[in-house]
């Protein structure tokens, strides 16, 4: 309720200011041109009143409810865009981690050092040459898939 009162007060105040929007232009005693929102005092050589037109705004014909609805729509769109950007950033970070892991595994397999793996029972065994070549092929596919 407070937000509605504030919005109403703001609209009323801006309408009052626009209604009083007269601008005065005159030349003073020293022949200087003066432009002010207050009428001149004292001796004036030339005076003219400039009527300021009401500010042309696309908001003028809209109700408070319409403007509030548009504001909420813009808020929702910006929130969704931020969430999408964050999701894209997280996905990129995951791809980068997968790429680094795949490259590290390939480098380890191609190094020529003995590589130990664990079977389904949890026991450790060392790869022979055939198994090493199969694991290298799998690691290269992983690097191709993750590192684009």
C-alpha atoms as a PDB file:
ATOM      1  CA  UNK A   1       0.000   0.000   0.000  1.00  0.00           C
ATOM      2  CA  UNK A   2       2.881   2.349   0.736  1.00  0.00           C
ATOM      3  CA  UNK A   3       4.277   1.866  -2.785  1.00  0.00           C
ATOM      4  CA  UNK A   4       0.951   2.916  -4.311  1.00  0.00           C
ATOM      5  CA  UNK A   5       0.829   6.047  -2.163  1.00  0.00           C
ATOM      6  CA  UNK A   6       4.397   6.917  -3.117  1.00  0.00           C
ATOM      7  CA  UNK A   7       3.659   6.422  -6.825  1.00  0.00           C
ATOM      8  CA  UNK A   8       0.491   8.534  -6.559  1.00  0.00           C
ATOM      9  CA  UNK A   9       2.396  11.310  -4.793  1.00  0.00           C
ATOM     10  CA  UNK A  10       5.145  11.228  -7.425  1.00  0.00           C
ATOM     11  CA  UNK A  11       2.646  11.455 -10.296  1.00  0.00           C
ATOM     12  CA  UNK A  12       0.760  14.284  -8.603  1.00  0.00           C
ATOM     13  CA  UNK A  13       3.956  16.207  -7.896  1.00  0.00           C
ATOM     14  CA  UNK A  14       5.250  15.824 -11.454  1.00  0.00           C
ATOM     15  CA  UNK A  15       1.903  17.004 -12.837  1.00  0.00           C
ATOM     16  CA  UNK A  16       1.996  20.060 -10.554  1.00  0.00           C
ATOM     17  CA  UNK A  17       5.540  20.897 -11.597  1.00  0.00           C
ATOM     18  CA  UNK A  18       4.672  20.514 -15.293  1.00  0.00           C
ATOM     19  CA  UNK A  19       1.691  22.840 -14.849  1.00  0.00           C
ATOM     20  CA  UNK A  20       3.894  25.536 -13.294  1.00  0.00           C
ATOM     21  CA  UNK A  21       6.585  25.150 -15.942  1.00  0.00           C
ATOM     22  CA  UNK A  22       6.902  28.763 -17.075  1.00  0.00           C
ATOM     23  CA  UNK A  23      10.271  30.123 -18.047  1.00  0.00           C
ATOM     24  CA  UNK A  24      11.047  33.843 -18.120  1.00  0.00           C
ATOM     25  CA  UNK A  25      13.645  35.536 -20.303  1.00  0.00           C
ATOM     26  CA  UNK A  26      14.666  39.185 -19.961  1.00  0.00           C
ATOM     27  CA  UNK A  27      17.533  41.638 -20.254  1.00  0.00           C
ATOM     28  CA  UNK A  28      18.673  43.349 -17.090  1.00  0.00           C
ATOM     29  CA  UNK A  29      20.144  46.829 -16.557  1.00  0.00           C
ATOM     30  CA  UNK A  30      23.579  45.731 -17.783  1.00  0.00           C
ATOM     31  CA  UNK A  31      22.077  44.362 -21.019  1.00  0.00           C
ATOM     32  CA  UNK A  32      22.654  40.734 -20.021  1.00  0.00           C
ATOM     33  CA  UNK A  33      20.120  38.124 -21.056  1.00  0.00           C
ATOM     34  CA  UNK A  34      18.694  36.294 -18.046  1.00  0.00           C
ATOM     35  CA  UNK A  35      16.653  33.094 -18.208  1.00  0.00           C
ATOM     36  CA  UNK A  36      14.898  31.945 -15.050  1.00  0.00           C
ATOM     37  CA  UNK A  37      11.886  30.089 -13.738  1.00  0.00           C
ATOM     38  CA  UNK A  38      11.027  33.122 -11.554  1.00  0.00           C
ATOM     39  CA  UNK A  39       9.649  36.412 -12.872  1.00  0.00           C
ATOM     40  CA  UNK A  40      12.066  39.355 -13.013  1.00  0.00           C
ATOM     41  CA  UNK A  41      12.311  41.937 -10.257  1.00  0.00           C
ATOM     42  CA  UNK A  42      13.387  45.557 -10.694  1.00  0.00           C
ATOM     43  CA  UNK A  43      14.174  47.327 -13.984  1.00  0.00           C
ATOM     44  CA  UNK A  44      13.799  45.151 -17.104  1.00  0.00           C
ATOM     45  CA  UNK A  45      14.471  46.195 -20.703  1.00  0.00           C
ATOM     46  CA  UNK A  46      12.690  43.355 -22.504  1.00  0.00           C
ATOM     47  CA  UNK A  47      10.643  40.604 -20.975  1.00  0.00           C
ATOM     48  CA  UNK A  48       9.110  37.553 -22.511  1.00  0.00           C
ATOM     49  CA  UNK A  49       7.455  34.494 -21.008  1.00  0.00           C
ATOM     50  CA  UNK A  50       8.276  31.141 -22.509  1.00  0.00           C
ATOM     51  CA  UNK A  51       5.617  28.500 -22.027  1.00  0.00           C
ATOM     52  CA  UNK A  52       7.226  25.124 -21.486  1.00  0.00           C
ATOM     53  CA  UNK A  53       5.255  22.352 -23.136  1.00  0.00           C
ATOM     54  CA  UNK A  54       4.225  19.435 -20.960  1.00  0.00           C
ATOM     55  CA  UNK A  55       6.748  16.636 -21.238  1.00  0.00           C
ATOM     56  CA  UNK A  56       5.737  14.277 -24.022  1.00  0.00           C
ATOM     57  CA  UNK A  57       5.875  10.855 -22.537  1.00  0.00           C
ATOM     58  CA  UNK A  58       4.612   7.474 -23.570  1.00  0.00           C
ATOM     59  CA  UNK A  59       3.830   6.964 -19.876  1.00  0.00           C
ATOM     60  CA  UNK A  60       1.165   9.703 -19.908  1.00  0.00           C
ATOM     61  CA  UNK A  61      -1.703   7.541 -21.154  1.00  0.00           C
ATOM     62  CA  UNK A  62      -0.906   4.516 -19.031  1.00  0.00           C
ATOM     63  CA  UNK A  63      -2.457   3.733 -15.707  1.00  0.00           C
ATOM     64  CA  UNK A  64      -0.426   2.974 -12.641  1.00  0.00           C
ATOM     65  CA  UNK A  65      -1.385  -0.697 -12.912  1.00  0.00           C
ATOM     66  CA  UNK A  66      -0.117  -0.847 -16.516  1.00  0.00           C
ATOM     67  CA  UNK A  67       3.192   0.751 -15.579  1.00  0.00           C
ATOM     68  CA  UNK A  68       3.538  -1.576 -12.599  1.00  0.00           C
ATOM     69  CA  UNK A  69       2.831  -4.591 -14.801  1.00  0.00           C
ATOM     70  CA  UNK A  70       5.441  -3.458 -17.349  1.00  0.00           C
ATOM     71  CA  UNK A  71       7.974  -2.875 -14.575  1.00  0.00           C
ATOM     72  CA  UNK A  72       7.401  -6.387 -13.190  1.00  0.00           C
ATOM     73  CA  UNK A  73       7.705  -7.833 -16.695  1.00  0.00           C
ATOM     74  CA  UNK A  74      11.062  -6.077 -17.223  1.00  0.00           C
ATOM     75  CA  UNK A  75      12.211  -7.283 -13.799  1.00  0.00           C
ATOM     76  CA  UNK A  76      11.269 -10.869 -14.642  1.00  0.00           C
ATOM     77  CA  UNK A  77      13.011 -10.704 -18.024  1.00  0.00           C
ATOM     78  CA  UNK A  78      16.222  -9.357 -16.516  1.00  0.00           C
ATOM     79  CA  UNK A  79      16.134 -12.008 -13.765  1.00  0.00           C
ATOM     80  CA  UNK A  80      15.642 -14.764 -16.374  1.00  0.00           C
ATOM     81  CA  UNK A  81      18.492 -13.388 -18.493  1.00  0.00           C
ATOM     82  CA  UNK A  82      20.781 -13.359 -15.448  1.00  0.00           C
ATOM     83  CA  UNK A  83      19.825 -16.934 -14.567  1.00  0.00           C
ATOM     84  CA  UNK A  84      20.442 -18.062 -18.151  1.00  0.00           C
ATOM     85  CA  UNK A  85      23.841 -16.351 -18.166  1.00  0.00           C
ATOM     86  CA  UNK A  86      24.750 -18.043 -14.886  1.00  0.00           C
ATOM     87  CA  UNK A  87      23.664 -21.451 -16.237  1.00  0.00           C
ATOM     88  CA  UNK A  88      25.755 -20.902 -19.384  1.00  0.00           C
ATOM     89  CA  UNK A  89      28.751 -19.930 -17.267  1.00  0.00           C
ATOM     90  CA  UNK A  90      28.391 -23.057 -15.093  1.00  0.00           C
ATOM     91  CA  UNK A  91      28.050 -25.301 -18.166  1.00  0.00           C
ATOM     92  CA  UNK A  92      31.185 -23.745 -19.671  1.00  0.00           C
ATOM     93  CA  UNK A  93      33.103 -24.325 -16.434  1.00  0.00           C
ATOM     94  CA  UNK A  94      31.993 -27.981 -16.388  1.00  0.00           C
ATOM     95  CA  UNK A  95      33.103 -28.459 -20.003  1.00  0.00           C
ATOM     96  CA  UNK A  96      36.470 -26.912 -19.163  1.00  0.00           C
ATOM     97  CA  UNK A  97      36.917 -29.241 -16.170  1.00  0.00           C
ATOM     98  CA  UNK A  98      35.979 -32.271 -18.291  1.00  0.00           C
ATOM     99  CA  UNK A  99      38.430 -31.196 -20.962  1.00  0.00           C
ATOM    100  CA  UNK A 100      41.277 -30.799 -18.482  1.00  0.00           C
ATOM    101  CA  UNK A 101      40.522 -34.186 -16.873  1.00  0.00           C
ATOM    102  CA  UNK A 102      40.434 -35.922 -20.272  1.00  0.00           C
ATOM    103  CA  UNK A 103      43.724 -34.329 -21.346  1.00  0.00           C
ATOM    104  CA  UNK A 104      45.370 -35.279 -18.062  1.00  0.00           C
ATOM    105  CA  UNK A 105      44.207 -38.899 -18.397  1.00  0.00           C
ATOM    106  CA  UNK A 106      45.466 -39.061 -21.993  1.00  0.00           C
ATOM    107  CA  UNK A 107      48.822 -37.584 -20.988  1.00  0.00           C
ATOM    108  CA  UNK A 108      49.178 -40.154 -18.187  1.00  0.00           C
ATOM    109  CA  UNK A 109      48.350 -43.046 -20.512  1.00  0.00           C
ATOM    110  CA  UNK A 110      50.727 -41.827 -23.231  1.00  0.00           C
ATOM    111  CA  UNK A 111      53.591 -41.207 -20.784  1.00  0.00           C
ATOM    112  CA  UNK A 112      54.667 -44.844 -20.807  1.00  0.00           C
ATOM    113  CA  UNK A 113      54.533 -45.220 -17.033  1.00  0.00           C
ATOM    114  CA  UNK A 114      52.752 -48.206 -15.549  1.00  0.00           C
ATOM    115  CA  UNK A 115      49.095 -47.446 -15.022  1.00  0.00           C
ATOM    116  CA  UNK A 116      47.037 -49.203 -12.361  1.00  0.00           C
ATOM    117  CA  UNK A 117      43.249 -49.552 -12.470  1.00  0.00           C
ATOM    118  CA  UNK A 118      40.723 -51.071 -10.070  1.00  0.00           C
ATOM    119  CA  UNK A 119      38.351 -53.871 -11.040  1.00  0.00           C
ATOM    120  CA  UNK A 120      34.756 -54.358  -9.869  1.00  0.00           C
ATOM    121  CA  UNK A 121      35.952 -56.043  -6.651  1.00  0.00           C
ATOM    122  CA  UNK A 122      38.151 -53.074  -5.832  1.00  0.00           C
ATOM    123  CA  UNK A 123      41.392 -54.925  -6.511  1.00  0.00           C
ATOM    124  CA  UNK A 124      44.196 -53.136  -8.281  1.00  0.00           C
ATOM    125  CA  UNK A 125      45.642 -54.418 -11.565  1.00  0.00           C
ATOM    126  CA  UNK A 126      48.112 -52.976 -14.089  1.00  0.00           C
ATOM    127  CA  UNK A 127      47.248 -52.354 -17.715  1.00  0.00           C
ATOM    128  CA  UNK A 128      48.969 -54.435 -20.379  1.00  0.00           C
ATOM    129  CA  UNK A 129      49.785 -52.959 -23.832  1.00  0.00           C
ATOM    130  CA  UNK A 130      46.448 -53.915 -25.411  1.00  0.00           C
ATOM    131  CA  UNK A 131      44.433 -52.456 -22.516  1.00  0.00           C
ATOM    132  CA  UNK A 132      46.595 -49.323 -22.559  1.00  0.00           C
ATOM    133  CA  UNK A 133      45.861 -48.783 -26.295  1.00  0.00           C
ATOM    134  CA  UNK A 134      42.105 -49.207 -25.636  1.00  0.00           C
ATOM    135  CA  UNK A 135      42.243 -46.698 -22.780  1.00  0.00           C
ATOM    136  CA  UNK A 136      44.241 -44.265 -24.941  1.00  0.00           C
ATOM    137  CA  UNK A 137      41.569 -44.518 -27.669  1.00  0.00           C
ATOM    138  CA  UNK A 138      38.827 -43.840 -25.081  1.00  0.00           C
ATOM    139  CA  UNK A 139      40.797 -40.894 -23.662  1.00  0.00           C
ATOM    140  CA  UNK A 140      41.263 -39.379 -27.128  1.00  0.00           C
ATOM    141  CA  UNK A 141      37.508 -39.637 -27.761  1.00  0.00           C
ATOM    142  CA  UNK A 142      36.885 -37.933 -24.420  1.00  0.00           C
ATOM    143  CA  UNK A 143      39.286 -35.122 -25.333  1.00  0.00           C
ATOM    144  CA  UNK A 144      37.548 -34.690 -28.703  1.00  0.00           C
ATOM    145  CA  UNK A 145      34.105 -34.651 -27.067  1.00  0.00           C
ATOM    146  CA  UNK A 146      34.971 -32.273 -24.206  1.00  0.00           C
ATOM    147  CA  UNK A 147      37.560 -29.949 -25.758  1.00  0.00           C
ATOM    148  CA  UNK A 148      35.866 -28.098 -28.613  1.00  0.00           C
END
